Amino acid sequence: MYAALNRPVSKIYSDGMPRVDYYYDNQALPAGAPAFRPSFSQGRLIGVTYGGWSQSSYFSYDQLGRVTLKYQRTGQPTIRFRPAITKLVR
Protein backbone atom coordinates (compact mmCIF):
# COMPACT_ATOMS: atom_id res chain seq x y z
CA MET A 1 0.00 0.00 0.00
CA TYR A 2 1.35 3.44 -0.96
CA ALA A 3 0.60 6.96 0.26
CA ALA A 4 1.38 10.46 -0.98
CA LEU A 5 4.80 10.91 -2.58
CA ASN A 6 4.61 7.25 -3.65
CA ARG A 7 6.06 6.07 -0.33
CA PRO A 8 5.12 2.62 0.97
CA VAL A 9 3.06 2.64 4.18
CA SER A 10 2.62 -1.11 4.55
CA LYS A 11 3.51 -4.38 2.93
CA ILE A 12 1.34 -7.44 3.32
CA TYR A 13 2.74 -10.76 2.11
CA SER A 14 0.60 -13.57 0.74
CA ASP A 15 2.85 -16.32 2.08
CA GLY A 16 2.20 -15.64 5.78
CA MET A 17 5.21 -13.40 6.41
CA PRO A 18 4.49 -10.71 9.04
CA ARG A 19 3.08 -7.38 7.88
CA VAL A 20 5.57 -4.50 7.58
CA ASP A 21 4.50 -0.91 8.35
CA TYR A 22 6.49 2.25 7.52
CA TYR A 23 6.28 5.65 9.31
CA TYR A 24 7.50 8.98 7.90
CA ASP A 25 7.95 12.63 8.81
CA ASN A 26 6.17 13.56 12.06
CA GLN A 27 3.68 10.72 11.81
CA ALA A 28 2.49 9.28 15.13
CA LEU A 29 4.38 6.11 16.01
CA PRO A 30 2.48 2.97 17.04
CA ALA A 31 1.73 1.99 20.63
CA GLY A 32 4.77 0.38 22.20
CA ALA A 33 7.28 2.54 20.30
CA PRO A 34 10.06 4.16 22.34
CA ALA A 35 9.19 7.58 23.76
CA PHE A 36 11.34 9.89 21.64
CA ARG A 37 10.79 12.76 19.25
CA PRO A 38 12.55 12.27 15.90
CA SER A 39 14.51 15.33 14.81
CA PHE A 40 14.83 16.62 11.22
CA SER A 41 12.35 13.97 10.13
CA GLN A 42 10.55 15.86 7.37
CA GLY A 43 10.71 13.71 4.22
CA ARG A 44 12.44 10.83 6.00
CA LEU A 45 11.63 7.35 7.27
CA ILE A 46 11.29 7.42 11.07
CA GLY A 47 10.06 3.91 11.81
CA VAL A 48 9.52 0.39 10.51
CA THR A 49 7.56 -2.34 12.31
CA TYR A 50 7.59 -6.03 11.41
CA GLY A 51 4.50 -7.96 12.45
CA GLY A 52 3.62 -5.51 15.23
CA TRP A 53 5.68 -3.35 17.56
CA SER A 54 7.75 -6.21 19.05
CA GLN A 55 10.15 -6.12 16.10
CA SER A 56 10.83 -2.58 14.98
CA SER A 57 13.36 0.14 14.18
CA TYR A 58 13.02 3.91 14.74
CA PHE A 59 15.30 6.69 13.48
CA SER A 60 16.24 10.31 14.18
CA TYR A 61 18.41 12.46 11.89
CA ASP A 62 20.68 15.50 11.83
CA GLN A 63 20.32 18.45 9.43
CA LEU A 64 22.31 16.63 6.74
CA GLY A 65 20.07 13.56 6.85
CA ARG A 66 22.49 11.32 8.73
CA VAL A 67 21.05 8.93 11.31
CA THR A 68 21.93 10.24 14.78
CA LEU A 69 19.82 7.87 16.83
CA LYS A 70 18.35 4.44 16.18
CA TYR A 71 16.14 2.35 18.42
CA GLN A 72 15.90 -1.32 17.52
CA ARG A 73 13.61 -3.83 19.14
CA THR A 74 13.75 -7.54 18.43
CA GLY A 75 11.60 -8.63 21.33
CA GLN A 76 12.77 -7.17 24.63
CA PRO A 77 14.61 -4.98 25.54
CA THR A 78 14.87 -2.06 23.12
CA ILE A 79 18.45 -1.26 22.06
CA ARG A 80 19.47 2.36 21.53
CA PHE A 81 22.27 3.19 19.06
CA ARG A 82 24.05 6.51 18.58
CA PRO A 83 26.19 6.26 15.42
CA ALA A 84 29.49 8.10 15.52
CA ILE A 85 29.49 11.02 13.09
CA THR A 86 32.91 12.25 12.05
CA LYS A 87 33.35 15.85 11.05
CA LEU A 88 35.30 16.55 7.90
CA VAL A 89 38.05 19.03 8.65
CA ARG A 90 39.59 21.04 5.83
PDB file of N, CA and C in Angstrom:
ATOM      1  N   MET A   1       0.836  -1.159   0.000  1.00  0.00           N
ATOM      2  CA  MET A   1       0.000   0.000   0.000  1.00  0.00           C
ATOM      3  C   MET A   1       0.897   1.244   0.000  1.00  0.00           C
ATOM      4  N   TYR A   2       0.558   2.219  -0.814  1.00  0.00           N
ATOM      5  CA  TYR A   2       1.351   3.435  -0.956  1.00  0.00           C
ATOM      6  C   TYR A   2       0.546   4.661  -0.572  1.00  0.00           C
ATOM      7  N   ALA A   3       1.242   5.694  -0.112  1.00  0.00           N
ATOM      8  CA  ALA A   3       0.596   6.965   0.263  1.00  0.00           C
ATOM      9  C   ALA A   3       1.130   8.069  -0.642  1.00  0.00           C
ATOM     10  N   ALA A   4       0.887   9.304  -0.229  1.00  0.00           N
ATOM     11  CA  ALA A   4       1.382  10.458  -0.978  1.00  0.00           C
ATOM     12  C   ALA A   4       2.885  10.350  -1.177  1.00  0.00           C
ATOM     13  N   LEU A   5       3.375  10.939  -2.207  1.00  0.00           N
ATOM     14  CA  LEU A   5       4.796  10.913  -2.578  1.00  0.00           C
ATOM     15  C   LEU A   5       5.267   9.512  -2.958  1.00  0.00           C
ATOM     16  N   ASN A   6       4.316   8.611  -3.213  1.00  0.00           N
ATOM     17  CA  ASN A   6       4.608   7.248  -3.654  1.00  0.00           C
ATOM     18  C   ASN A   6       5.490   6.478  -2.662  1.00  0.00           C
ATOM     19  N   ARG A   7       5.302   6.758  -1.366  1.00  0.00           N
ATOM     20  CA  ARG A   7       6.065   6.066  -0.334  1.00  0.00           C
ATOM     21  C   ARG A   7       5.242   4.898   0.202  1.00  0.00           C
ATOM     22  N   PRO A   8       5.871   3.747   0.428  1.00  0.00           N
ATOM     23  CA  PRO A   8       5.116   2.622   0.973  1.00  0.00           C
ATOM     24  C   PRO A   8       4.720   2.889   2.424  1.00  0.00           C
ATOM     25  N   VAL A   9       3.497   2.523   2.797  1.00  0.00           N
ATOM     26  CA  VAL A   9       3.058   2.639   4.184  1.00  0.00           C
ATOM     27  C   VAL A   9       2.892   1.277   4.828  1.00  0.00           C
ATOM     28  N   SER A  10       2.689   0.252   4.012  1.00  0.00           N
ATOM     29  CA  SER A  10       2.623  -1.107   4.554  1.00  0.00           C
ATOM     30  C   SER A  10       2.869  -2.116   3.447  1.00  0.00           C
ATOM     31  N   LYS A  11       3.272  -3.279   3.865  1.00  0.00           N
ATOM     32  CA  LYS A  11       3.507  -4.382   2.925  1.00  0.00           C
ATOM     33  C   LYS A  11       2.900  -5.623   3.557  1.00  0.00           C
ATOM     34  N   ILE A  12       1.990  -6.231   2.835  1.00  0.00           N
ATOM     35  CA  ILE A  12       1.341  -7.445   3.316  1.00  0.00           C
ATOM     36  C   ILE A  12       1.718  -8.574   2.367  1.00  0.00           C
ATOM     37  N   TYR A  13       2.273  -9.618   2.911  1.00  0.00           N
ATOM     38  CA  TYR A  13       2.744 -10.758   2.114  1.00  0.00           C
ATOM     39  C   TYR A  13       1.670 -11.829   2.032  1.00  0.00           C
ATOM     40  N   SER A  14       1.602 -12.515   0.918  1.00  0.00           N
ATOM     41  CA  SER A  14       0.596 -13.566   0.738  1.00  0.00           C
ATOM     42  C   SER A  14       1.056 -14.919   1.264  1.00  0.00           C
ATOM     43  N   ASP A  15       2.329 -15.029   1.637  1.00  0.00           N
ATOM     44  CA  ASP A  15       2.854 -16.318   2.082  1.00  0.00           C
ATOM     45  C   ASP A  15       2.907 -16.451   3.607  1.00  0.00           C
ATOM     46  N   GLY A  16       2.238 -15.547   4.333  1.00  0.00           N
ATOM     47  CA  GLY A  16       2.201 -15.644   5.780  1.00  0.00           C
ATOM     48  C   GLY A  16       3.300 -14.890   6.503  1.00  0.00           C
ATOM     49  N   MET A  17       4.182 -14.225   5.766  1.00  0.00           N
ATOM     50  CA  MET A  17       5.208 -13.400   6.408  1.00  0.00           C
ATOM     51  C   MET A  17       4.514 -12.278   7.176  1.00  0.00           C
ATOM     52  N   PRO A  18       5.124 -11.792   8.274  1.00  0.00           N
ATOM     53  CA  PRO A  18       4.493 -10.714   9.036  1.00  0.00           C
ATOM     54  C   PRO A  18       4.360  -9.426   8.219  1.00  0.00           C
ATOM     55  N   ARG A  19       3.333  -8.679   8.516  1.00  0.00           N
ATOM     56  CA  ARG A  19       3.085  -7.383   7.878  1.00  0.00           C
ATOM     57  C   ARG A  19       4.196  -6.405   8.274  1.00  0.00           C
ATOM     58  N   VAL A  20       4.568  -5.532   7.336  1.00  0.00           N
ATOM     59  CA  VAL A  20       5.572  -4.497   7.578  1.00  0.00           C
ATOM     60  C   VAL A  20       4.890  -3.141   7.419  1.00  0.00           C
ATOM     61  N   ASP A  21       5.070  -2.260   8.408  1.00  0.00           N
ATOM     62  CA  ASP A  21       4.503  -0.912   8.352  1.00  0.00           C
ATOM     63  C   ASP A  21       5.630   0.103   8.397  1.00  0.00           C
ATOM     64  N   TYR A  22       5.473   1.201   7.623  1.00  0.00           N
ATOM     65  CA  TYR A  22       6.487   2.255   7.523  1.00  0.00           C
ATOM     66  C   TYR A  22       5.896   3.574   8.032  1.00  0.00           C
ATOM     67  N   TYR A  23       6.706   4.356   8.744  1.00  0.00           N
ATOM     68  CA  TYR A  23       6.282   5.645   9.307  1.00  0.00           C
ATOM     69  C   TYR A  23       7.253   6.724   8.841  1.00  0.00           C
ATOM     70  N   TYR A  24       6.699   7.889   8.470  1.00  0.00           N
ATOM     71  CA  TYR A  24       7.497   8.975   7.899  1.00  0.00           C
ATOM     72  C   TYR A  24       7.215  10.300   8.598  1.00  0.00           C
ATOM     73  N   ASP A  25       8.130  11.246   8.393  1.00  0.00           N
ATOM     74  CA  ASP A  25       7.955  12.634   8.809  1.00  0.00           C
ATOM     75  C   ASP A  25       7.647  12.714  10.307  1.00  0.00           C
ATOM     76  N   ASN A  26       6.575  13.421  10.662  1.00  0.00           N
ATOM     77  CA  ASN A  26       6.173  13.560  12.062  1.00  0.00           C
ATOM     78  C   ASN A  26       4.957  12.700  12.377  1.00  0.00           C
ATOM     79  N   GLN A  27       4.811  11.618  11.631  1.00  0.00           N
ATOM     80  CA  GLN A  27       3.680  10.720  11.807  1.00  0.00           C
ATOM     81  C   GLN A  27       3.726  10.098  13.205  1.00  0.00           C
ATOM     82  N   ALA A  28       2.556   9.910  13.809  1.00  0.00           N
ATOM     83  CA  ALA A  28       2.493   9.278  15.125  1.00  0.00           C
ATOM     84  C   ALA A  28       3.003   7.842  15.031  1.00  0.00           C
ATOM     85  N   LEU A  29       3.847   7.470  15.979  1.00  0.00           N
ATOM     86  CA  LEU A  29       4.383   6.110  16.010  1.00  0.00           C
ATOM     87  C   LEU A  29       3.385   5.193  16.707  1.00  0.00           C
ATOM     88  N   PRO A  30       3.455   3.882  16.451  1.00  0.00           N
ATOM     89  CA  PRO A  30       2.479   2.967  17.036  1.00  0.00           C
ATOM     90  C   PRO A  30       2.664   2.814  18.541  1.00  0.00           C
ATOM     91  N   ALA A  31       1.642   2.298  19.200  1.00  0.00           N
ATOM     92  CA  ALA A  31       1.727   1.995  20.628  1.00  0.00           C
ATOM     93  C   ALA A  31       2.882   1.020  20.854  1.00  0.00           C
ATOM     94  N   GLY A  32       3.633   1.247  21.910  1.00  0.00           N
ATOM     95  CA  GLY A  32       4.770   0.383  22.202  1.00  0.00           C
ATOM     96  C   GLY A  32       6.085   0.901  21.660  1.00  0.00           C
ATOM     97  N   ALA A  33       6.041   1.955  20.841  1.00  0.00           N
ATOM     98  CA  ALA A  33       7.276   2.540  20.301  1.00  0.00           C
ATOM     99  C   ALA A  33       8.010   3.274  21.426  1.00  0.00           C
ATOM    100  N   PRO A  34       9.327   3.413  21.319  1.00  0.00           N
ATOM    101  CA  PRO A  34      10.059   4.163  22.342  1.00  0.00           C
ATOM    102  C   PRO A  34       9.570   5.613  22.398  1.00  0.00           C
ATOM    103  N   ALA A  35       9.619   6.187  23.584  1.00  0.00           N
ATOM    104  CA  ALA A  35       9.190   7.578  23.760  1.00  0.00           C
ATOM    105  C   ALA A  35      10.338   8.495  23.348  1.00  0.00           C
ATOM    106  N   PHE A  36      10.338   8.946  22.117  1.00  0.00           N
ATOM    107  CA  PHE A  36      11.340   9.890  21.638  1.00  0.00           C
ATOM    108  C   PHE A  36      10.721  10.718  20.533  1.00  0.00           C
ATOM    109  N   ARG A  37      11.291  11.869  20.293  1.00  0.00           N
ATOM    110  CA  ARG A  37      10.794  12.762  19.247  1.00  0.00           C
ATOM    111  C   ARG A  37      11.857  12.826  18.151  1.00  0.00           C
ATOM    112  N   PRO A  38      11.567  12.247  16.979  1.00  0.00           N
ATOM    113  CA  PRO A  38      12.553  12.265  15.901  1.00  0.00           C
ATOM    114  C   PRO A  38      12.867  13.701  15.462  1.00  0.00           C
ATOM    115  N   SER A  39      14.133  13.999  15.276  1.00  0.00           N
ATOM    116  CA  SER A  39      14.508  15.334  14.814  1.00  0.00           C
ATOM    117  C   SER A  39      14.810  15.312  13.318  1.00  0.00           C
ATOM    118  N   PHE A  40      14.588  16.448  12.661  1.00  0.00           N
ATOM    119  CA  PHE A  40      14.830  16.622  11.224  1.00  0.00           C
ATOM    120  C   PHE A  40      14.238  15.465  10.418  1.00  0.00           C
ATOM    121  N   SER A  41      12.988  15.147  10.717  1.00  0.00           N
ATOM    122  CA  SER A  41      12.352  13.972  10.128  1.00  0.00           C
ATOM    123  C   SER A  41      11.535  14.262   8.879  1.00  0.00           C
ATOM    124  N   GLN A  42      11.370  15.523   8.532  1.00  0.00           N
ATOM    125  CA  GLN A  42      10.549  15.857   7.366  1.00  0.00           C
ATOM    126  C   GLN A  42      11.117  15.202   6.109  1.00  0.00           C
ATOM    127  N   GLY A  43      10.294  14.381   5.444  1.00  0.00           N
ATOM    128  CA  GLY A  43      10.706  13.710   4.219  1.00  0.00           C
ATOM    129  C   GLY A  43      11.526  12.454   4.446  1.00  0.00           C
ATOM    130  N   ARG A  44      11.588  11.990   5.696  1.00  0.00           N
ATOM    131  CA  ARG A  44      12.439  10.835   6.004  1.00  0.00           C
ATOM    132  C   ARG A  44      11.652   9.717   6.692  1.00  0.00           C
ATOM    133  N   LEU A  45      12.180   8.522   6.582  1.00  0.00           N
ATOM    134  CA  LEU A  45      11.627   7.354   7.265  1.00  0.00           C
ATOM    135  C   LEU A  45      11.992   7.446   8.743  1.00  0.00           C
ATOM    136  N   ILE A  46      10.995   7.356   9.638  1.00  0.00           N
ATOM    137  CA  ILE A  46      11.293   7.419  11.066  1.00  0.00           C
ATOM    138  C   ILE A  46      11.015   6.109  11.790  1.00  0.00           C
ATOM    139  N   GLY A  47      10.330   5.169  11.135  1.00  0.00           N
ATOM    140  CA  GLY A  47      10.057   3.910  11.807  1.00  0.00           C
ATOM    141  C   GLY A  47       9.623   2.818  10.862  1.00  0.00           C
ATOM    142  N   VAL A  48       9.943   1.585  11.247  1.00  0.00           N
ATOM    143  CA  VAL A  48       9.518   0.389  10.510  1.00  0.00           C
ATOM    144  C   VAL A  48       9.138  -0.649  11.557  1.00  0.00           C
ATOM    145  N   THR A  49       7.955  -1.249  11.412  1.00  0.00           N
ATOM    146  CA  THR A  49       7.563  -2.336  12.307  1.00  0.00           C
ATOM    147  C   THR A  49       7.351  -3.599  11.487  1.00  0.00           C
ATOM    148  N   TYR A  50       7.693  -4.727  12.076  1.00  0.00           N
ATOM    149  CA  TYR A  50       7.595  -6.026  11.406  1.00  0.00           C
ATOM    150  C   TYR A  50       6.658  -6.903  12.222  1.00  0.00           C
ATOM    151  N   GLY A  51       5.436  -7.084  11.761  1.00  0.00           N
ATOM    152  CA  GLY A  51       4.501  -7.961  12.454  1.00  0.00           C
ATOM    153  C   GLY A  51       4.076  -7.420  13.806  1.00  0.00           C
ATOM    154  N   GLY A  52       3.988  -6.123  13.946  1.00  0.00           N
ATOM    155  CA  GLY A  52       3.622  -5.506  15.228  1.00  0.00           C
ATOM    156  C   GLY A  52       4.811  -4.766  15.800  1.00  0.00           C
ATOM    157  N   TRP A  53       4.642  -4.203  16.989  1.00  0.00           N
ATOM    158  CA  TRP A  53       5.684  -3.353  17.558  1.00  0.00           C
ATOM    159  C   TRP A  53       6.835  -4.138  18.166  1.00  0.00           C
ATOM    160  N   SER A  54       6.694  -5.454  18.365  1.00  0.00           N
ATOM    161  CA  SER A  54       7.750  -6.208  19.054  1.00  0.00           C
ATOM    162  C   SER A  54       9.042  -6.309  18.245  1.00  0.00           C
ATOM    163  N   GLN A  55       8.965  -6.168  16.942  1.00  0.00           N
ATOM    164  CA  GLN A  55      10.152  -6.119  16.098  1.00  0.00           C
ATOM    165  C   GLN A  55      10.067  -4.832  15.286  1.00  0.00           C
ATOM    166  N   SER A  56      10.945  -3.889  15.612  1.00  0.00           N
ATOM    167  CA  SER A  56      10.826  -2.581  14.981  1.00  0.00           C
ATOM    168  C   SER A  56      12.139  -1.820  15.029  1.00  0.00           C
ATOM    169  N   SER A  57      12.219  -0.782  14.196  1.00  0.00           N
ATOM    170  CA  SER A  57      13.356   0.137  14.178  1.00  0.00           C
ATOM    171  C   SER A  57      12.813   1.552  14.036  1.00  0.00           C
ATOM    172  N   TYR A  58      13.434   2.502  14.765  1.00  0.00           N
ATOM    173  CA  TYR A  58      13.020   3.907  14.737  1.00  0.00           C
ATOM    174  C   TYR A  58      14.262   4.772  14.592  1.00  0.00           C
ATOM    175  N   PHE A  59      14.142   5.889  13.848  1.00  0.00           N
ATOM    176  CA  PHE A  59      15.305   6.687  13.479  1.00  0.00           C
ATOM    177  C   PHE A  59      15.098   8.172  13.762  1.00  0.00           C
ATOM    178  N   SER A  60      16.200   8.860  14.074  1.00  0.00           N
ATOM    179  CA  SER A  60      16.244  10.314  14.177  1.00  0.00           C
ATOM    180  C   SER A  60      17.452  10.773  13.361  1.00  0.00           C
ATOM    181  N   TYR A  61      17.404  11.995  12.837  1.00  0.00           N
ATOM    182  CA  TYR A  61      18.414  12.460  11.887  1.00  0.00           C
ATOM    183  C   TYR A  61      19.013  13.801  12.306  1.00  0.00           C
ATOM    184  N   ASP A  62      20.142  14.149  11.689  1.00  0.00           N
ATOM    185  CA  ASP A  62      20.678  15.500  11.835  1.00  0.00           C
ATOM    186  C   ASP A  62      20.269  16.313  10.606  1.00  0.00           C
ATOM    187  N   GLN A  63      20.726  17.558  10.523  1.00  0.00           N
ATOM    188  CA  GLN A  63      20.317  18.446   9.432  1.00  0.00           C
ATOM    189  C   GLN A  63      20.771  17.960   8.062  1.00  0.00           C
ATOM    190  N   LEU A  64      21.813  17.139   8.019  1.00  0.00           N
ATOM    191  CA  LEU A  64      22.309  16.627   6.740  1.00  0.00           C
ATOM    192  C   LEU A  64      21.683  15.290   6.352  1.00  0.00           C
ATOM    193  N   GLY A  65      20.745  14.806   7.161  1.00  0.00           N
ATOM    194  CA  GLY A  65      20.069  13.560   6.847  1.00  0.00           C
ATOM    195  C   GLY A  65      20.768  12.317   7.349  1.00  0.00           C
ATOM    196  N   ARG A  66      21.793  12.476   8.176  1.00  0.00           N
ATOM    197  CA  ARG A  66      22.489  11.316   8.734  1.00  0.00           C
ATOM    198  C   ARG A  66      21.747  10.814   9.966  1.00  0.00           C
ATOM    199  N   VAL A  67      21.699   9.504  10.134  1.00  0.00           N
ATOM    200  CA  VAL A  67      21.045   8.929  11.310  1.00  0.00           C
ATOM    201  C   VAL A  67      21.875   9.262  12.545  1.00  0.00           C
ATOM    202  N   THR A  68      21.237   9.895  13.536  1.00  0.00           N
ATOM    203  CA  THR A  68      21.933  10.244  14.775  1.00  0.00           C
ATOM    204  C   THR A  68      21.477   9.383  15.942  1.00  0.00           C
ATOM    205  N   LEU A  69      20.341   8.724  15.774  1.00  0.00           N
ATOM    206  CA  LEU A  69      19.816   7.871  16.834  1.00  0.00           C
ATOM    207  C   LEU A  69      18.968   6.783  16.193  1.00  0.00           C
ATOM    208  N   LYS A  70      19.152   5.559  16.669  1.00  0.00           N
ATOM    209  CA  LYS A  70      18.347   4.439  16.175  1.00  0.00           C
ATOM    210  C   LYS A  70      17.942   3.584  17.359  1.00  0.00           C
ATOM    211  N   TYR A  71      16.647   3.314  17.452  1.00  0.00           N
ATOM    212  CA  TYR A  71      16.138   2.351  18.415  1.00  0.00           C
ATOM    213  C   TYR A  71      15.810   1.091  17.647  1.00  0.00           C
ATOM    214  N   GLN A  72      16.216  -0.051  18.179  1.00  0.00           N
ATOM    215  CA  GLN A  72      15.904  -1.318  17.525  1.00  0.00           C
ATOM    216  C   GLN A  72      15.358  -2.279  18.557  1.00  0.00           C
ATOM    217  N   ARG A  73      14.229  -2.866  18.237  1.00  0.00           N
ATOM    218  CA  ARG A  73      13.606  -3.827  19.137  1.00  0.00           C
ATOM    219  C   ARG A  73      13.431  -5.140  18.385  1.00  0.00           C
ATOM    220  N   THR A  74      13.955  -6.192  18.965  1.00  0.00           N
ATOM    221  CA  THR A  74      13.754  -7.543  18.428  1.00  0.00           C
ATOM    222  C   THR A  74      13.268  -8.400  19.587  1.00  0.00           C
ATOM    223  N   GLY A  75      12.121  -8.039  20.109  1.00  0.00           N
ATOM    224  CA  GLY A  75      11.602  -8.632  21.333  1.00  0.00           C
ATOM    225  C   GLY A  75      11.843  -7.639  22.453  1.00  0.00           C
ATOM    226  N   GLN A  76      12.446  -8.070  23.518  1.00  0.00           N
ATOM    227  CA  GLN A  76      12.771  -7.170  24.628  1.00  0.00           C
ATOM    228  C   GLN A  76      14.231  -7.339  24.969  1.00  0.00           C
ATOM    229  N   PRO A  77      14.969  -6.390  25.404  1.00  0.00           N
ATOM    230  CA  PRO A  77      14.612  -4.982  25.535  1.00  0.00           C
ATOM    231  C   PRO A  77      14.874  -4.221  24.243  1.00  0.00           C
ATOM    232  N   THR A  78      14.580  -2.932  24.245  1.00  0.00           N
ATOM    233  CA  THR A  78      14.871  -2.056  23.116  1.00  0.00           C
ATOM    234  C   THR A  78      16.325  -1.614  23.207  1.00  0.00           C
ATOM    235  N   ILE A  79      17.043  -1.666  22.099  1.00  0.00           N
ATOM    236  CA  ILE A  79      18.449  -1.262  22.060  1.00  0.00           C
ATOM    237  C   ILE A  79      18.527   0.119  21.422  1.00  0.00           C
ATOM    238  N   ARG A  80      19.319   0.987  22.037  1.00  0.00           N
ATOM    239  CA  ARG A  80      19.473   2.356  21.532  1.00  0.00           C
ATOM    240  C   ARG A  80      20.880   2.525  20.978  1.00  0.00           C
ATOM    241  N   PHE A  81      20.979   2.972  19.723  1.00  0.00           N
ATOM    242  CA  PHE A  81      22.269   3.188  19.060  1.00  0.00           C
ATOM    243  C   PHE A  81      22.464   4.681  18.817  1.00  0.00           C
ATOM    244  N   ARG A  82      23.672   5.153  18.980  1.00  0.00           N
ATOM    245  CA  ARG A  82      24.047   6.510  18.578  1.00  0.00           C
ATOM    246  C   ARG A  82      25.259   6.376  17.668  1.00  0.00           C
ATOM    247  N   PRO A  83      25.057   6.395  16.343  1.00  0.00           N
ATOM    248  CA  PRO A  83      26.188   6.256  15.421  1.00  0.00           C
ATOM    249  C   PRO A  83      27.194   7.391  15.600  1.00  0.00           C
ATOM    250  N   ALA A  84      28.453   7.071  15.457  1.00  0.00           N
ATOM    251  CA  ALA A  84      29.494   8.101  15.516  1.00  0.00           C
ATOM    252  C   ALA A  84      29.491   8.868  14.197  1.00  0.00           C
ATOM    253  N   ILE A  85      29.449  10.174  14.291  1.00  0.00           N
ATOM    254  CA  ILE A  85      29.492  11.018  13.093  1.00  0.00           C
ATOM    255  C   ILE A  85      30.816  11.780  13.125  1.00  0.00           C
ATOM    256  N   THR A  86      31.612  11.593  12.112  1.00  0.00           N
ATOM    257  CA  THR A  86      32.908  12.246  12.047  1.00  0.00           C
ATOM    258  C   THR A  86      32.792  13.526  11.251  1.00  0.00           C
ATOM    259  N   LYS A  87      33.378  14.573  11.771  1.00  0.00           N
ATOM    260  CA  LYS A  87      33.352  15.846  11.054  1.00  0.00           C
ATOM    261  C   LYS A  87      34.528  15.907  10.094  1.00  0.00           C
ATOM    262  N   LEU A  88      34.253  16.389   8.905  1.00  0.00           N
ATOM    263  CA  LEU A  88      35.302  16.554   7.901  1.00  0.00           C
ATOM    264  C   LEU A  88      35.994  17.885   8.153  1.00  0.00           C
ATOM    265  N   VAL A  89      37.287  17.824   8.374  1.00  0.00           N
ATOM    266  CA  VAL A  89      38.050  19.035   8.650  1.00  0.00           C
ATOM    267  C   VAL A  89      38.880  19.366   7.432  1.00  0.00           C
ATOM    268  N   ARG A  90      38.817  20.605   6.992  1.00  0.00           N
ATOM    269  CA  ARG A  90      39.587  21.039   5.832  1.00  0.00           C
ATOM    270  C   ARG A  90      40.586  22.075   6.230  1.00  0.00           C
TER     271      ARG A  90
END
